[in-house]
Amino acid sequence: MPTPDFTEVAKVSDVSPGEMKVVVVDRERYILVNLAGEFFAIRDECGHAFGLFSKGWLEDDVVVCPRHYARYDLRTGALVDGPIANDVPIGEVLIEDSTVYLKPPHGSS
């Protein structure tokens, strides 16, 4: 069982490879992404103009904001390309017994 810092957010089978799902932890929205069986979570809010990534799309290991096409690395939350913007917080993902758990970034709640 994960530490209390982790919250159950999905089953592995809920997010197919190449797909994303919105999850909520501590009143914060994240997109949970399955990249070829490896899961990542990034806050569902672009660091440029606060567009929702969940309304955007994936390009390999990058999520694209639909507002001004800012692109962020899902693994690090770093801006890859687009307007000047802040990096976006990512959460720590843990898989245990086909269950996906998320630990929000430090200081997020």
C-alpha atoms as a PDB file:
ATOM      1  CA  MET A   1       0.000   0.000   0.000  1.00  0.00           C
ATOM      2  CA  PRO A   2       1.394   3.446  -0.935  1.00  0.00           C
ATOM      3  CA  THR A   3       2.050   6.119   1.672  1.00  0.00           C
ATOM      4  CA  PRO A   4      -0.815   8.483   2.622  1.00  0.00           C
ATOM      5  CA  ASP A   5       0.697  11.119   0.283  1.00  0.00           C
ATOM      6  CA  PHE A   6      -0.613   9.076  -2.657  1.00  0.00           C
ATOM      7  CA  THR A   7      -4.257   9.055  -3.750  1.00  0.00           C
ATOM      8  CA  GLU A   8      -5.876   6.357  -5.866  1.00  0.00           C
ATOM      9  CA  VAL A   9      -6.932   8.007  -9.148  1.00  0.00           C
ATOM     10  CA  ALA A  10      -7.602   5.225 -11.684  1.00  0.00           C
ATOM     11  CA  LYS A  11      -7.097   1.647 -12.748  1.00  0.00           C
ATOM     12  CA  VAL A  12      -4.401   0.960 -15.336  1.00  0.00           C
ATOM     13  CA  SER A  13      -7.135  -0.282 -17.684  1.00  0.00           C
ATOM     14  CA  ASP A  14      -8.931   3.105 -17.485  1.00  0.00           C
ATOM     15  CA  VAL A  15      -6.278   4.850 -19.618  1.00  0.00           C
ATOM     16  CA  SER A  16      -5.201   3.158 -22.837  1.00  0.00           C
ATOM     17  CA  PRO A  17      -1.726   3.831 -24.263  1.00  0.00           C
ATOM     18  CA  GLY A  18      -1.640   7.232 -25.970  1.00  0.00           C
ATOM     19  CA  GLU A  19      -4.651   8.513 -24.041  1.00  0.00           C
ATOM     20  CA  MET A  20      -5.174  10.954 -21.194  1.00  0.00           C
ATOM     21  CA  LYS A  21      -7.749  11.163 -18.409  1.00  0.00           C
ATOM     22  CA  VAL A  22      -8.604  14.020 -16.052  1.00  0.00           C
ATOM     23  CA  VAL A  23      -8.205  13.159 -12.365  1.00  0.00           C
ATOM     24  CA  VAL A  24      -8.637  15.354  -9.288  1.00  0.00           C
ATOM     25  CA  VAL A  25      -6.487  15.264  -6.152  1.00  0.00           C
ATOM     26  CA  ASP A  26      -6.799  17.822  -3.353  1.00  0.00           C
ATOM     27  CA  ARG A  27      -9.136  19.940  -5.525  1.00  0.00           C
ATOM     28  CA  GLU A  28      -6.481  20.199  -8.280  1.00  0.00           C
ATOM     29  CA  ARG A  29      -7.032  18.843 -11.794  1.00  0.00           C
ATOM     30  CA  TYR A  30      -4.335  16.732 -13.442  1.00  0.00           C
ATOM     31  CA  ILE A  31      -4.197  14.842 -16.675  1.00  0.00           C
ATOM     32  CA  LEU A  32      -3.071  11.275 -16.267  1.00  0.00           C
ATOM     33  CA  VAL A  33      -1.325  10.049 -19.415  1.00  0.00           C
ATOM     34  CA  ASN A  34      -0.388   6.535 -20.475  1.00  0.00           C
ATOM     35  CA  LEU A  35       2.735   6.612 -22.669  1.00  0.00           C
ATOM     36  CA  ALA A  36       3.245   3.046 -23.891  1.00  0.00           C
ATOM     37  CA  GLY A  37       2.434   1.645 -20.445  1.00  0.00           C
ATOM     38  CA  GLU A  38       4.295   4.295 -18.433  1.00  0.00           C
ATOM     39  CA  PHE A  39       2.052   6.749 -16.583  1.00  0.00           C
ATOM     40  CA  PHE A  40       2.624  10.460 -16.018  1.00  0.00           C
ATOM     41  CA  ALA A  41       0.547  13.218 -14.417  1.00  0.00           C
ATOM     42  CA  ILE A  42       0.744  16.947 -15.099  1.00  0.00           C
ATOM     43  CA  ARG A  43      -1.444  19.716 -13.724  1.00  0.00           C
ATOM     44  CA  ASP A  44      -4.300  20.429 -16.149  1.00  0.00           C
ATOM     45  CA  GLU A  45      -3.371  24.073 -16.641  1.00  0.00           C
ATOM     46  CA  CYS A  46      -0.965  25.611 -19.134  1.00  0.00           C
ATOM     47  CA  GLY A  47       1.744  27.819 -17.639  1.00  0.00           C
ATOM     48  CA  HIS A  48       1.166  30.495 -20.290  1.00  0.00           C
ATOM     49  CA  ALA A  49      -2.505  31.462 -20.480  1.00  0.00           C
ATOM     50  CA  PHE A  50      -4.030  28.822 -18.206  1.00  0.00           C
ATOM     51  CA  GLY A  51      -5.656  26.780 -20.971  1.00  0.00           C
ATOM     52  CA  LEU A  52      -6.691  23.269 -20.046  1.00  0.00           C
ATOM     53  CA  PHE A  53      -4.432  20.538 -21.359  1.00  0.00           C
ATOM     54  CA  SER A  54      -7.420  18.198 -21.223  1.00  0.00           C
ATOM     55  CA  LYS A  55      -8.861  20.216 -24.144  1.00  0.00           C
ATOM     56  CA  GLY A  56      -5.562  19.843 -26.017  1.00  0.00           C
ATOM     57  CA  TRP A  57      -3.793  16.820 -27.450  1.00  0.00           C
ATOM     58  CA  LEU A  58      -0.767  14.589 -27.121  1.00  0.00           C
ATOM     59  CA  GLU A  59       2.221  14.433 -29.448  1.00  0.00           C
ATOM     60  CA  ASP A  60       4.409  11.549 -28.287  1.00  0.00           C
ATOM     61  CA  ASP A  61       5.665  12.600 -24.808  1.00  0.00           C
ATOM     62  CA  VAL A  62       4.408  16.193 -25.143  1.00  0.00           C
ATOM     63  CA  VAL A  63       1.035  17.724 -24.301  1.00  0.00           C
ATOM     64  CA  VAL A  64      -0.125  20.683 -26.395  1.00  0.00           C
ATOM     65  CA  CYS A  65      -2.253  23.491 -24.969  1.00  0.00           C
ATOM     66  CA  PRO A  66      -5.164  24.345 -27.291  1.00  0.00           C
ATOM     67  CA  ARG A  67      -5.065  28.099 -26.611  1.00  0.00           C
ATOM     68  CA  HIS A  68      -1.672  29.156 -27.986  1.00  0.00           C
ATOM     69  CA  TYR A  69      -0.094  25.770 -28.763  1.00  0.00           C
ATOM     70  CA  ALA A  70       2.423  25.813 -25.932  1.00  0.00           C
ATOM     71  CA  ARG A  71       4.011  22.371 -25.679  1.00  0.00           C
ATOM     72  CA  TYR A  72       5.102  20.731 -22.418  1.00  0.00           C
ATOM     73  CA  ASP A  73       7.153  17.646 -21.664  1.00  0.00           C
ATOM     74  CA  LEU A  74       4.920  15.215 -19.759  1.00  0.00           C
ATOM     75  CA  ARG A  75       7.902  13.717 -17.939  1.00  0.00           C
ATOM     76  CA  THR A  76       9.197  16.990 -16.455  1.00  0.00           C
ATOM     77  CA  GLY A  77       6.490  19.649 -16.887  1.00  0.00           C
ATOM     78  CA  ALA A  78       9.028  21.831 -18.736  1.00  0.00           C
ATOM     79  CA  LEU A  79       8.037  24.099 -21.598  1.00  0.00           C
ATOM     80  CA  VAL A  80       9.329  22.581 -24.850  1.00  0.00           C
ATOM     81  CA  ASP A  81       8.057  25.143 -27.345  1.00  0.00           C
ATOM     82  CA  GLY A  82       5.607  28.016 -27.544  1.00  0.00           C
ATOM     83  CA  PRO A  83       4.992  31.360 -25.883  1.00  0.00           C
ATOM     84  CA  ILE A  84       7.062  32.304 -22.863  1.00  0.00           C
ATOM     85  CA  ALA A  85       5.502  30.382 -20.010  1.00  0.00           C
ATOM     86  CA  ASN A  86       6.137  28.843 -16.628  1.00  0.00           C
ATOM     87  CA  ASP A  87       6.838  25.158 -16.289  1.00  0.00           C
ATOM     88  CA  VAL A  88       3.862  23.137 -15.067  1.00  0.00           C
ATOM     89  CA  PRO A  89       3.913  21.002 -11.900  1.00  0.00           C
ATOM     90  CA  ILE A  90       3.925  17.253 -12.321  1.00  0.00           C
ATOM     91  CA  GLY A  91       2.831  14.640  -9.833  1.00  0.00           C
ATOM     92  CA  GLU A  92       4.527  11.399  -8.881  1.00  0.00           C
ATOM     93  CA  VAL A  93       2.711   8.347 -10.232  1.00  0.00           C
ATOM     94  CA  LEU A  94       2.827   4.913  -8.634  1.00  0.00           C
ATOM     95  CA  ILE A  95       1.306   1.712 -10.027  1.00  0.00           C
ATOM     96  CA  GLU A  96       0.468  -1.050  -7.587  1.00  0.00           C
ATOM     97  CA  ASP A  97      -1.751  -4.059  -8.287  1.00  0.00           C
ATOM     98  CA  SER A  98      -3.184  -2.457 -11.474  1.00  0.00           C
ATOM     99  CA  THR A  99      -4.162   0.655  -9.531  1.00  0.00           C
ATOM    100  CA  VAL A 100      -2.769   4.101 -10.380  1.00  0.00           C
ATOM    101  CA  TYR A 101      -1.894   6.396  -7.482  1.00  0.00           C
ATOM    102  CA  LEU A 102      -0.895  10.059  -7.690  1.00  0.00           C
ATOM    103  CA  LYS A 103       1.159  12.132  -5.263  1.00  0.00           C
ATOM    104  CA  PRO A 104       0.626  15.840  -6.000  1.00  0.00           C
ATOM    105  CA  PRO A 105       3.683  18.055  -6.394  1.00  0.00           C
ATOM    106  CA  HIS A 106       5.099  19.480  -3.192  1.00  0.00           C
ATOM    107  CA  GLY A 107       3.165  22.528  -2.020  1.00  0.00           C
ATOM    108  CA  SER A 108       0.318  22.093  -4.512  1.00  0.00           C
ATOM    109  CA  SER A 109      -2.608  22.037  -2.126  1.00  0.00           C
END
